[in-house]
N, C-alpha and C. Protein backbone atom coordinates (compact mmCIF):
# COMPACT_ATOMS: atom_id res chain seq x y z
N MET A 1 -34.45 -31.36 25.86
CA MET A 1 -33.45 -30.99 24.91
C MET A 1 -33.72 -29.56 24.44
N ASP A 2 -32.71 -28.71 24.55
CA ASP A 2 -32.86 -27.32 24.11
C ASP A 2 -32.49 -27.21 22.63
N THR A 3 -33.26 -26.45 21.92
CA THR A 3 -32.93 -26.20 20.52
C THR A 3 -32.58 -24.72 20.38
N VAL A 4 -31.63 -24.47 19.57
CA VAL A 4 -31.19 -23.11 19.32
C VAL A 4 -31.76 -22.68 17.98
N VAL A 5 -32.48 -21.58 17.99
CA VAL A 5 -33.05 -21.06 16.75
C VAL A 5 -32.24 -19.84 16.34
N GLU A 6 -31.70 -19.92 15.16
CA GLU A 6 -30.92 -18.80 14.65
C GLU A 6 -31.80 -17.93 13.79
N GLY A 7 -31.69 -16.64 13.97
CA GLY A 7 -32.43 -15.69 13.16
C GLY A 7 -31.71 -15.44 11.85
N PRO A 8 -32.28 -14.60 11.02
CA PRO A 8 -31.62 -14.29 9.75
C PRO A 8 -30.29 -13.58 10.01
N ARG A 9 -29.32 -13.93 9.23
CA ARG A 9 -28.00 -13.31 9.39
C ARG A 9 -27.99 -11.98 8.67
N LYS A 10 -27.44 -11.00 9.33
CA LYS A 10 -27.35 -9.68 8.74
C LYS A 10 -25.95 -9.51 8.15
N THR A 11 -25.92 -9.03 6.96
CA THR A 11 -24.63 -8.74 6.33
C THR A 11 -24.50 -7.24 6.18
N MET A 12 -23.30 -6.78 6.29
CA MET A 12 -23.05 -5.35 6.16
C MET A 12 -23.11 -4.98 4.68
N PRO A 13 -23.83 -3.91 4.36
CA PRO A 13 -23.83 -3.48 2.96
C PRO A 13 -22.46 -2.92 2.60
N PRO A 14 -22.10 -2.98 1.32
CA PRO A 14 -20.80 -2.44 0.95
C PRO A 14 -20.74 -0.94 1.23
N SER A 15 -19.59 -0.48 1.61
CA SER A 15 -19.42 0.94 1.90
C SER A 15 -19.62 1.74 0.61
N PRO A 16 -20.30 2.88 0.71
CA PRO A 16 -20.50 3.67 -0.49
C PRO A 16 -19.17 4.18 -1.03
N GLY A 17 -18.98 4.08 -2.31
CA GLY A 17 -17.74 4.55 -2.93
C GLY A 17 -16.62 3.53 -2.93
N MET A 18 -16.76 2.44 -2.17
CA MET A 18 -15.73 1.41 -2.14
C MET A 18 -16.03 0.37 -3.20
N LYS A 19 -15.06 0.12 -4.03
CA LYS A 19 -15.23 -0.87 -5.10
C LYS A 19 -14.51 -2.14 -4.73
N LYS A 20 -14.98 -3.23 -5.27
CA LYS A 20 -14.27 -4.50 -5.13
C LYS A 20 -13.13 -4.52 -6.14
N SER A 21 -12.21 -5.41 -5.92
CA SER A 21 -11.09 -5.54 -6.84
C SER A 21 -11.14 -6.91 -7.51
N SER A 22 -10.22 -7.14 -8.43
CA SER A 22 -10.17 -8.44 -9.09
C SER A 22 -9.75 -9.55 -8.12
N THR A 23 -9.18 -9.15 -6.98
CA THR A 23 -8.80 -10.13 -5.96
C THR A 23 -9.94 -10.43 -5.00
N GLY A 24 -11.05 -9.69 -5.11
CA GLY A 24 -12.18 -9.89 -4.23
C GLY A 24 -12.13 -9.06 -2.97
N LEU A 25 -11.08 -8.27 -2.80
CA LEU A 25 -10.93 -7.42 -1.62
C LEU A 25 -11.60 -6.07 -1.86
N ASP A 26 -12.08 -5.45 -0.78
CA ASP A 26 -12.50 -4.05 -0.88
C ASP A 26 -11.26 -3.23 -1.18
N GLU A 27 -11.44 -2.11 -1.88
CA GLU A 27 -10.26 -1.35 -2.29
C GLU A 27 -9.51 -0.74 -1.11
N ASN A 28 -10.19 -0.43 0.00
CA ASN A 28 -9.45 0.10 1.15
C ASN A 28 -8.58 -0.98 1.79
N VAL A 29 -9.06 -2.21 1.83
CA VAL A 29 -8.28 -3.32 2.40
C VAL A 29 -7.11 -3.65 1.47
N GLY A 30 -7.38 -3.69 0.18
CA GLY A 30 -6.31 -3.96 -0.79
C GLY A 30 -5.23 -2.89 -0.76
N GLY A 31 -5.64 -1.62 -0.61
CA GLY A 31 -4.68 -0.53 -0.50
C GLY A 31 -3.81 -0.66 0.73
N LEU A 32 -4.43 -1.00 1.85
CA LEU A 32 -3.68 -1.21 3.10
C LEU A 32 -2.69 -2.36 2.94
N LEU A 33 -3.16 -3.47 2.38
CA LEU A 33 -2.29 -4.64 2.24
C LEU A 33 -1.13 -4.40 1.28
N ALA A 34 -1.30 -3.46 0.35
CA ALA A 34 -0.21 -3.14 -0.58
C ALA A 34 0.99 -2.53 0.16
N TYR A 35 0.74 -1.95 1.34
CA TYR A 35 1.82 -1.34 2.12
C TYR A 35 2.35 -2.25 3.23
N ILE A 36 1.65 -3.30 3.56
CA ILE A 36 1.91 -4.06 4.79
C ILE A 36 3.34 -4.60 4.88
N LEU A 37 3.91 -5.08 3.79
CA LEU A 37 5.31 -5.55 3.79
C LEU A 37 6.18 -4.70 2.87
N GLY A 38 5.82 -3.44 2.74
CA GLY A 38 6.61 -2.52 1.93
C GLY A 38 6.59 -2.87 0.46
N PHE A 39 7.75 -2.79 -0.17
CA PHE A 39 7.81 -2.99 -1.62
C PHE A 39 7.48 -4.42 -2.03
N ILE A 40 7.59 -5.37 -1.12
CA ILE A 40 7.29 -6.77 -1.45
C ILE A 40 5.80 -6.93 -1.76
N THR A 41 4.93 -6.45 -0.86
CA THR A 41 3.49 -6.55 -1.14
C THR A 41 3.08 -5.57 -2.24
N GLY A 42 3.83 -4.49 -2.39
CA GLY A 42 3.56 -3.59 -3.50
C GLY A 42 3.71 -4.30 -4.83
N ILE A 43 4.79 -5.03 -4.99
CA ILE A 43 5.04 -5.79 -6.22
C ILE A 43 3.99 -6.88 -6.39
N ILE A 44 3.66 -7.58 -5.30
CA ILE A 44 2.65 -8.64 -5.39
C ILE A 44 1.31 -8.09 -5.88
N PHE A 45 0.88 -6.96 -5.31
CA PHE A 45 -0.40 -6.40 -5.73
C PHE A 45 -0.35 -5.81 -7.13
N LEU A 46 0.81 -5.34 -7.57
CA LEU A 46 0.92 -4.89 -8.96
C LEU A 46 0.72 -6.05 -9.92
N VAL A 47 1.19 -7.23 -9.52
CA VAL A 47 1.08 -8.40 -10.39
C VAL A 47 -0.34 -8.99 -10.35
N ILE A 48 -0.94 -9.10 -9.17
CA ILE A 48 -2.22 -9.81 -9.09
C ILE A 48 -3.45 -8.92 -9.31
N GLU A 49 -3.35 -7.63 -9.02
CA GLU A 49 -4.51 -6.75 -9.20
C GLU A 49 -4.55 -6.22 -10.63
N LYS A 50 -5.63 -6.52 -11.32
CA LYS A 50 -5.74 -6.15 -12.73
C LYS A 50 -6.73 -5.03 -12.99
N GLU A 51 -7.69 -4.79 -12.07
CA GLU A 51 -8.79 -3.88 -12.36
C GLU A 51 -8.78 -2.59 -11.55
N ASN A 52 -8.64 -2.69 -10.26
CA ASN A 52 -8.85 -1.55 -9.37
C ASN A 52 -7.67 -0.58 -9.42
N GLU A 53 -7.92 0.62 -9.92
CA GLU A 53 -6.85 1.60 -10.08
C GLU A 53 -6.32 2.13 -8.76
N LYS A 54 -7.19 2.23 -7.76
CA LYS A 54 -6.74 2.75 -6.46
C LYS A 54 -5.77 1.77 -5.79
N ILE A 55 -6.07 0.49 -5.84
CA ILE A 55 -5.16 -0.50 -5.26
C ILE A 55 -3.85 -0.53 -6.04
N ARG A 56 -3.94 -0.45 -7.36
CA ARG A 56 -2.73 -0.44 -8.18
C ARG A 56 -1.87 0.79 -7.87
N PHE A 57 -2.52 1.94 -7.63
CA PHE A 57 -1.78 3.15 -7.27
C PHE A 57 -1.03 2.94 -5.95
N HIS A 58 -1.74 2.43 -4.93
CA HIS A 58 -1.09 2.20 -3.63
C HIS A 58 0.04 1.19 -3.76
N ALA A 59 -0.16 0.17 -4.59
CA ALA A 59 0.88 -0.84 -4.79
C ALA A 59 2.11 -0.22 -5.45
N MET A 60 1.89 0.62 -6.44
CA MET A 60 3.03 1.27 -7.13
C MET A 60 3.73 2.25 -6.20
N GLN A 61 2.95 3.04 -5.45
CA GLN A 61 3.57 3.99 -4.53
C GLN A 61 4.35 3.26 -3.44
N SER A 62 3.83 2.14 -2.97
CA SER A 62 4.53 1.33 -1.97
C SER A 62 5.84 0.80 -2.53
N THR A 63 5.79 0.30 -3.77
CA THR A 63 6.99 -0.25 -4.40
C THR A 63 8.05 0.83 -4.57
N ILE A 64 7.66 1.99 -5.06
CA ILE A 64 8.61 3.08 -5.28
C ILE A 64 9.17 3.60 -3.96
N THR A 65 8.29 3.89 -3.02
CA THR A 65 8.70 4.51 -1.75
C THR A 65 9.59 3.58 -0.93
N PHE A 66 9.10 2.38 -0.67
CA PHE A 66 9.84 1.50 0.22
C PHE A 66 11.00 0.79 -0.49
N GLY A 67 10.92 0.67 -1.79
CA GLY A 67 12.08 0.19 -2.55
C GLY A 67 13.22 1.19 -2.47
N ALA A 68 12.89 2.49 -2.64
CA ALA A 68 13.91 3.54 -2.54
C ALA A 68 14.48 3.61 -1.13
N LEU A 69 13.61 3.53 -0.12
CA LEU A 69 14.11 3.57 1.27
C LEU A 69 15.01 2.38 1.58
N PHE A 70 14.68 1.21 1.01
CA PHE A 70 15.51 0.02 1.21
C PHE A 70 16.90 0.22 0.60
N VAL A 71 16.94 0.72 -0.63
CA VAL A 71 18.22 0.94 -1.31
C VAL A 71 19.03 2.01 -0.57
N ILE A 72 18.37 3.10 -0.17
CA ILE A 72 19.07 4.17 0.56
C ILE A 72 19.65 3.64 1.87
N SER A 73 18.89 2.83 2.59
CA SER A 73 19.39 2.30 3.86
C SER A 73 20.57 1.36 3.64
N LEU A 74 20.54 0.59 2.55
CA LEU A 74 21.70 -0.28 2.25
C LEU A 74 22.95 0.55 1.98
N ILE A 75 22.80 1.58 1.19
CA ILE A 75 23.96 2.44 0.85
C ILE A 75 24.48 3.16 2.08
N VAL A 76 23.57 3.71 2.88
CA VAL A 76 23.96 4.48 4.07
C VAL A 76 24.69 3.61 5.08
N ASN A 77 24.34 2.35 5.15
CA ASN A 77 25.00 1.46 6.12
C ASN A 77 26.47 1.21 5.81
N PHE A 78 26.92 1.52 4.61
CA PHE A 78 28.33 1.37 4.27
C PHE A 78 29.16 2.59 4.66
N ILE A 79 28.51 3.67 5.07
CA ILE A 79 29.22 4.89 5.46
C ILE A 79 29.48 4.83 6.95
N PRO A 80 30.75 4.90 7.36
CA PRO A 80 31.06 4.82 8.79
C PRO A 80 30.54 6.05 9.55
N ILE A 81 30.18 5.88 10.76
CA ILE A 81 29.70 6.86 11.74
C ILE A 81 28.50 7.66 11.24
N ILE A 82 28.65 8.44 10.19
CA ILE A 82 27.54 9.25 9.68
C ILE A 82 26.41 8.34 9.20
N GLY A 83 26.74 7.22 8.61
CA GLY A 83 25.74 6.28 8.14
C GLY A 83 24.88 5.74 9.27
N ILE A 84 25.51 5.49 10.41
CA ILE A 84 24.76 5.01 11.58
C ILE A 84 23.80 6.09 12.06
N LEU A 85 24.27 7.33 12.09
CA LEU A 85 23.40 8.43 12.52
C LEU A 85 22.22 8.61 11.55
N ILE A 86 22.49 8.53 10.26
CA ILE A 86 21.42 8.66 9.27
C ILE A 86 20.43 7.51 9.40
N SER A 87 20.94 6.31 9.63
CA SER A 87 20.07 5.15 9.81
C SER A 87 19.18 5.30 11.04
N MET A 88 19.72 5.88 12.10
CA MET A 88 18.95 6.09 13.32
C MET A 88 17.81 7.08 13.10
N ILE A 89 17.96 7.98 12.16
CA ILE A 89 16.90 8.93 11.83
C ILE A 89 15.96 8.33 10.80
N LEU A 90 16.51 7.63 9.82
CA LEU A 90 15.73 7.08 8.71
C LEU A 90 14.75 5.99 9.16
N ALA A 91 15.16 5.14 10.09
CA ALA A 91 14.31 4.03 10.52
C ALA A 91 12.99 4.50 11.15
N PRO A 92 13.01 5.38 12.15
CA PRO A 92 11.73 5.80 12.72
C PRO A 92 10.87 6.61 11.74
N LEU A 93 11.52 7.40 10.88
CA LEU A 93 10.75 8.15 9.89
C LEU A 93 10.07 7.20 8.90
N SER A 94 10.74 6.13 8.54
CA SER A 94 10.15 5.13 7.64
C SER A 94 8.94 4.46 8.28
N ILE A 95 9.03 4.17 9.56
CA ILE A 95 7.93 3.52 10.26
C ILE A 95 6.72 4.46 10.35
N VAL A 96 6.97 5.74 10.65
CA VAL A 96 5.88 6.71 10.71
C VAL A 96 5.23 6.86 9.33
N LEU A 97 6.03 6.95 8.28
CA LEU A 97 5.52 7.06 6.92
C LEU A 97 4.70 5.83 6.56
N TRP A 98 5.19 4.66 6.91
CA TRP A 98 4.51 3.39 6.65
C TRP A 98 3.12 3.38 7.30
N ILE A 99 3.05 3.79 8.56
CA ILE A 99 1.78 3.81 9.28
C ILE A 99 0.82 4.82 8.66
N ILE A 100 1.30 6.01 8.34
CA ILE A 100 0.46 7.03 7.72
C ILE A 100 -0.12 6.53 6.40
N LEU A 101 0.71 5.92 5.57
CA LEU A 101 0.25 5.43 4.27
C LEU A 101 -0.78 4.32 4.43
N MET A 102 -0.59 3.42 5.39
CA MET A 102 -1.56 2.36 5.61
C MET A 102 -2.90 2.92 6.10
N VAL A 103 -2.86 3.88 7.01
CA VAL A 103 -4.09 4.48 7.54
C VAL A 103 -4.83 5.22 6.42
N LYS A 104 -4.11 6.00 5.64
CA LYS A 104 -4.74 6.75 4.54
C LYS A 104 -5.36 5.79 3.52
N ALA A 105 -4.66 4.71 3.20
CA ALA A 105 -5.19 3.74 2.25
C ALA A 105 -6.44 3.07 2.81
N TYR A 106 -6.44 2.73 4.09
CA TYR A 106 -7.59 2.08 4.69
C TYR A 106 -8.80 3.03 4.77
N GLN A 107 -8.53 4.31 4.88
CA GLN A 107 -9.61 5.30 4.89
C GLN A 107 -10.17 5.54 3.48
N GLY A 108 -9.57 4.89 2.49
CA GLY A 108 -10.05 5.01 1.12
C GLY A 108 -9.47 6.20 0.38
N GLU A 109 -8.47 6.83 0.96
CA GLU A 109 -7.87 8.00 0.36
C GLU A 109 -6.78 7.60 -0.63
N ARG A 110 -6.71 8.32 -1.72
CA ARG A 110 -5.63 8.10 -2.68
C ARG A 110 -4.56 9.13 -2.37
N TYR A 111 -3.83 8.90 -1.29
CA TYR A 111 -2.87 9.86 -0.75
C TYR A 111 -1.58 9.82 -1.55
N HIS A 112 -1.20 10.97 -2.09
CA HIS A 112 0.01 11.08 -2.92
C HIS A 112 1.16 11.63 -2.10
N LEU A 113 2.25 10.90 -2.06
CA LEU A 113 3.49 11.46 -1.53
C LEU A 113 4.03 12.43 -2.58
N PRO A 114 4.76 13.46 -2.18
CA PRO A 114 5.19 14.48 -3.13
C PRO A 114 5.91 13.95 -4.39
N ILE A 115 6.90 13.11 -4.25
CA ILE A 115 7.64 12.64 -5.42
C ILE A 115 7.14 11.26 -5.84
N ALA A 116 7.02 10.35 -4.91
CA ALA A 116 6.63 8.97 -5.23
C ALA A 116 5.21 8.89 -5.77
N GLY A 117 4.31 9.74 -5.31
CA GLY A 117 2.94 9.73 -5.80
C GLY A 117 2.86 10.07 -7.28
N LYS A 118 3.60 11.10 -7.68
CA LYS A 118 3.62 11.48 -9.11
C LYS A 118 4.28 10.39 -9.94
N MET A 119 5.38 9.83 -9.42
CA MET A 119 6.04 8.75 -10.15
C MET A 119 5.11 7.54 -10.30
N ALA A 120 4.35 7.22 -9.26
CA ALA A 120 3.42 6.09 -9.30
C ALA A 120 2.34 6.34 -10.35
N GLU A 121 1.78 7.54 -10.38
CA GLU A 121 0.76 7.88 -11.38
C GLU A 121 1.33 7.75 -12.79
N ASP A 122 2.54 8.29 -13.00
CA ASP A 122 3.17 8.23 -14.33
C ASP A 122 3.43 6.79 -14.76
N GLN A 123 3.93 5.97 -13.85
CA GLN A 123 4.22 4.57 -14.19
C GLN A 123 2.94 3.80 -14.51
N LEU A 124 1.89 4.02 -13.73
CA LEU A 124 0.62 3.34 -13.99
C LEU A 124 0.04 3.77 -15.33
N ARG A 125 0.17 5.05 -15.66
CA ARG A 125 -0.31 5.54 -16.95
C ARG A 125 0.44 4.86 -18.08
N LYS A 126 1.75 4.73 -17.95
CA LYS A 126 2.56 4.05 -18.97
C LYS A 126 2.17 2.60 -19.10
N MET A 127 1.90 1.95 -17.96
CA MET A 127 1.53 0.52 -17.99
C MET A 127 0.19 0.33 -18.68
N THR A 128 -0.77 1.21 -18.44
CA THR A 128 -2.09 1.05 -19.06
C THR A 128 -2.08 1.45 -20.53
N ASP A 129 -1.19 2.37 -20.91
CA ASP A 129 -1.09 2.76 -22.32
C ASP A 129 -0.54 1.63 -23.17
N LYS A 130 0.33 0.80 -22.60
CA LYS A 130 0.94 -0.31 -23.33
C LYS A 130 -0.06 -1.43 -23.60
N VAL A 131 -1.05 -1.54 -22.71
CA VAL A 131 -2.00 -2.64 -22.84
C VAL A 131 -3.05 -2.37 -23.87
């Protein structure tokens, strides 16, 4: 009969500079997940994440950015001919933006979009001032 001897299990030390969140996720994973389903996961992470400011920032930026893109695409679809052309441009640009934001969040970067990033910071500041 063969016996299998297992050695000590090695665990990876936490990445330097990466903090855990109230959800138990590393902040880079939480930031990535805040973008994964656009404004839907942005709203979810705004509700469930109470401590980590970086995850909350990504969640707010996701909500603002992809919520605005969703509304714009709905409006544009009601415009004949030109709306279709705008949608054909808007869809691939949205996908590229989505991928860039997820990669930046996973790298631990607090990447600010020009307008949405400032709006996200302002909204988070207002939310924390009320508490």
